Amino acid sequence: MKSKQKRVLLALAYSDALHVEPGFPVEQRSIFGVDGDPTDVAISLQWRDIEGCVWEADFTGQSFVEADITRNRITLHDSQGDRVCVSVHRLKPAKV
């Protein structure tokens, strides 16, 4: 697995919170192997828009390689070729 591919995969898999632009929270993320190959991993993200419609995007290895990373935003193409921008967040405990 290439370095950039690994960075994108780990960010999408292990971030505390994900938002799909323009700010819809990701409700479900699934990580799974492709065709039984443990080195070929895919991620599926699911969210709702402002009208309540459910959207889903699937990303595979090539999507991770071609992704653009800018600060906490990852822009990549899903398996259908649609461009998706995901904001990645790490949550901190509240200070009291």
C-alpha atoms as a PDB file:
ATOM      1  CA  MET A   1       0.000   0.000   0.000  1.00  0.00           C
ATOM      2  CA  LYS A   2       1.385   3.402  -0.987  1.00  0.00           C
ATOM      3  CA  SER A   3       1.974   6.100   1.619  1.00  0.00           C
ATOM      4  CA  LYS A   4      -0.741   8.476   0.356  1.00  0.00           C
ATOM      5  CA  GLN A   5      -3.206   5.620  -0.028  1.00  0.00           C
ATOM      6  CA  LYS A   6      -2.510   4.559   3.552  1.00  0.00           C
ATOM      7  CA  ARG A   7      -2.904   8.135   4.905  1.00  0.00           C
ATOM      8  CA  VAL A   8      -6.301   8.537   3.238  1.00  0.00           C
ATOM      9  CA  LEU A   9      -7.504   5.112   4.312  1.00  0.00           C
ATOM     10  CA  LEU A  10      -6.454   5.617   7.942  1.00  0.00           C
ATOM     11  CA  ALA A  11      -7.986   9.108   8.091  1.00  0.00           C
ATOM     12  CA  LEU A  12     -11.343   7.902   6.765  1.00  0.00           C
ATOM     13  CA  ALA A  13     -11.321   4.761   8.903  1.00  0.00           C
ATOM     14  CA  TYR A  14     -10.197   6.114  12.272  1.00  0.00           C
ATOM     15  CA  SER A  15     -11.260   9.762  12.500  1.00  0.00           C
ATOM     16  CA  ASP A  16     -13.664  10.593  15.304  1.00  0.00           C
ATOM     17  CA  ALA A  17     -16.070  12.433  12.997  1.00  0.00           C
ATOM     18  CA  LEU A  18     -16.502  12.791   9.225  1.00  0.00           C
ATOM     19  CA  HIS A  19     -18.590  15.355   7.349  1.00  0.00           C
ATOM     20  CA  VAL A  20     -19.392  15.290   3.653  1.00  0.00           C
ATOM     21  CA  GLU A  21     -19.468  18.779   2.173  1.00  0.00           C
ATOM     22  CA  PRO A  22     -21.364  20.975   2.591  1.00  0.00           C
ATOM     23  CA  GLY A  23     -21.353  19.681   6.181  1.00  0.00           C
ATOM     24  CA  PHE A  24     -23.554  16.587   6.376  1.00  0.00           C
ATOM     25  CA  PRO A  25     -22.349  14.226   9.138  1.00  0.00           C
ATOM     26  CA  VAL A  26     -21.440  10.705   8.057  1.00  0.00           C
ATOM     27  CA  GLU A  27     -23.881   8.382   9.823  1.00  0.00           C
ATOM     28  CA  GLN A  28     -22.257   5.103   8.886  1.00  0.00           C
ATOM     29  CA  ARG A  29     -18.879   3.967   7.590  1.00  0.00           C
ATOM     30  CA  SER A  30     -18.019   0.429   6.618  1.00  0.00           C
ATOM     31  CA  ILE A  31     -14.565  -0.917   5.899  1.00  0.00           C
ATOM     32  CA  PHE A  32     -14.294  -4.169   3.987  1.00  0.00           C
ATOM     33  CA  GLY A  33     -11.913  -6.265   1.917  1.00  0.00           C
ATOM     34  CA  VAL A  34     -12.420  -6.488  -1.825  1.00  0.00           C
ATOM     35  CA  ASP A  35     -12.659  -9.933  -3.443  1.00  0.00           C
ATOM     36  CA  GLY A  36     -11.209 -11.628  -0.365  1.00  0.00           C
ATOM     37  CA  ASP A  37      -7.872  -9.811  -0.737  1.00  0.00           C
ATOM     38  CA  PRO A  38      -6.830  -8.434   2.677  1.00  0.00           C
ATOM     39  CA  THR A  39      -4.484  -5.889   1.052  1.00  0.00           C
ATOM     40  CA  ASP A  40      -7.255  -4.409  -1.131  1.00  0.00           C
ATOM     41  CA  VAL A  41      -9.598  -2.465   1.151  1.00  0.00           C
ATOM     42  CA  ALA A  42     -12.670  -0.354   0.414  1.00  0.00           C
ATOM     43  CA  ILE A  43     -14.655   2.112   2.510  1.00  0.00           C
ATOM     44  CA  SER A  44     -18.335   2.956   2.225  1.00  0.00           C
ATOM     45  CA  LEU A  45     -19.746   6.186   3.709  1.00  0.00           C
ATOM     46  CA  GLN A  46     -23.431   6.944   4.246  1.00  0.00           C
ATOM     47  CA  TRP A  47     -25.060  10.300   5.122  1.00  0.00           C
ATOM     48  CA  ARG A  48     -28.344  12.220   4.821  1.00  0.00           C
ATOM     49  CA  ASP A  49     -28.832  15.535   3.086  1.00  0.00           C
ATOM     50  CA  ILE A  50     -30.942  18.397   4.410  1.00  0.00           C
ATOM     51  CA  GLU A  51     -34.101  16.849   2.926  1.00  0.00           C
ATOM     52  CA  GLY A  52     -33.455  13.503   4.611  1.00  0.00           C
ATOM     53  CA  CYS A  53     -32.377  11.639   1.476  1.00  0.00           C
ATOM     54  CA  VAL A  54     -29.763   8.956   2.152  1.00  0.00           C
ATOM     55  CA  TRP A  55     -26.558   9.118   0.103  1.00  0.00           C
ATOM     56  CA  GLU A  56     -23.779   6.557  -0.088  1.00  0.00           C
ATOM     57  CA  ALA A  57     -20.325   6.585  -1.619  1.00  0.00           C
ATOM     58  CA  ASP A  58     -17.919   3.676  -1.999  1.00  0.00           C
ATOM     59  CA  PHE A  59     -14.178   4.201  -2.287  1.00  0.00           C
ATOM     60  CA  THR A  60     -11.557   1.665  -3.340  1.00  0.00           C
ATOM     61  CA  GLY A  61      -7.756   1.575  -3.549  1.00  0.00           C
ATOM     62  CA  GLN A  62      -7.456   3.689  -6.697  1.00  0.00           C
ATOM     63  CA  SER A  63      -9.666   6.391  -5.130  1.00  0.00           C
ATOM     64  CA  PHE A  64      -7.238   6.616  -2.218  1.00  0.00           C
ATOM     65  CA  VAL A  65      -4.214   6.954  -4.529  1.00  0.00           C
ATOM     66  CA  GLU A  66      -5.804   9.764  -6.568  1.00  0.00           C
ATOM     67  CA  ALA A  67      -7.215  11.641  -3.544  1.00  0.00           C
ATOM     68  CA  ASP A  68      -6.319  15.257  -2.847  1.00  0.00           C
ATOM     69  CA  ILE A  69      -5.491  16.042   0.787  1.00  0.00           C
ATOM     70  CA  THR A  70      -5.687  19.651   1.989  1.00  0.00           C
ATOM     71  CA  ARG A  71      -5.498  20.237   5.744  1.00  0.00           C
ATOM     72  CA  ASN A  72      -8.417  18.246   7.199  1.00  0.00           C
ATOM     73  CA  ARG A  73     -10.202  17.771   3.855  1.00  0.00           C
ATOM     74  CA  ILE A  74      -9.918  14.778   1.568  1.00  0.00           C
ATOM     75  CA  THR A  75     -11.349  15.070  -1.934  1.00  0.00           C
ATOM     76  CA  LEU A  76     -11.717  11.838  -3.858  1.00  0.00           C
ATOM     77  CA  HIS A  77     -13.848  10.129  -6.487  1.00  0.00           C
ATOM     78  CA  ASP A  78     -16.204   7.342  -5.490  1.00  0.00           C
ATOM     79  CA  SER A  79     -16.723   4.131  -7.446  1.00  0.00           C
ATOM     80  CA  GLN A  80     -19.288   5.898  -9.663  1.00  0.00           C
ATOM     81  CA  GLY A  81     -16.812   8.679 -10.512  1.00  0.00           C
ATOM     82  CA  ASP A  82     -18.546  11.368  -8.432  1.00  0.00           C
ATOM     83  CA  ARG A  83     -16.308  13.845  -6.610  1.00  0.00           C
ATOM     84  CA  VAL A  84     -16.806  13.761  -2.835  1.00  0.00           C
ATOM     85  CA  CYS A  85     -15.142  16.072  -0.312  1.00  0.00           C
ATOM     86  CA  VAL A  86     -14.891  14.724   3.242  1.00  0.00           C
ATOM     87  CA  SER A  87     -13.844  16.773   6.276  1.00  0.00           C
ATOM     88  CA  VAL A  88     -11.971  14.706   8.838  1.00  0.00           C
ATOM     89  CA  HIS A  89     -12.180  15.623  12.545  1.00  0.00           C
ATOM     90  CA  ARG A  90     -10.461  14.495  15.720  1.00  0.00           C
ATOM     91  CA  LEU A  91     -12.576  15.286  18.795  1.00  0.00           C
ATOM     92  CA  LYS A  92     -11.048  16.639  22.004  1.00  0.00           C
ATOM     93  CA  PRO A  93     -12.454  16.267  25.502  1.00  0.00           C
ATOM     94  CA  ALA A  94     -14.222  19.391  26.753  1.00  0.00           C
ATOM     95  CA  LYS A  95     -12.310  21.542  29.212  1.00  0.00           C
ATOM     96  CA  VAL A  96     -14.160  22.153  32.426  1.00  0.00           C
END
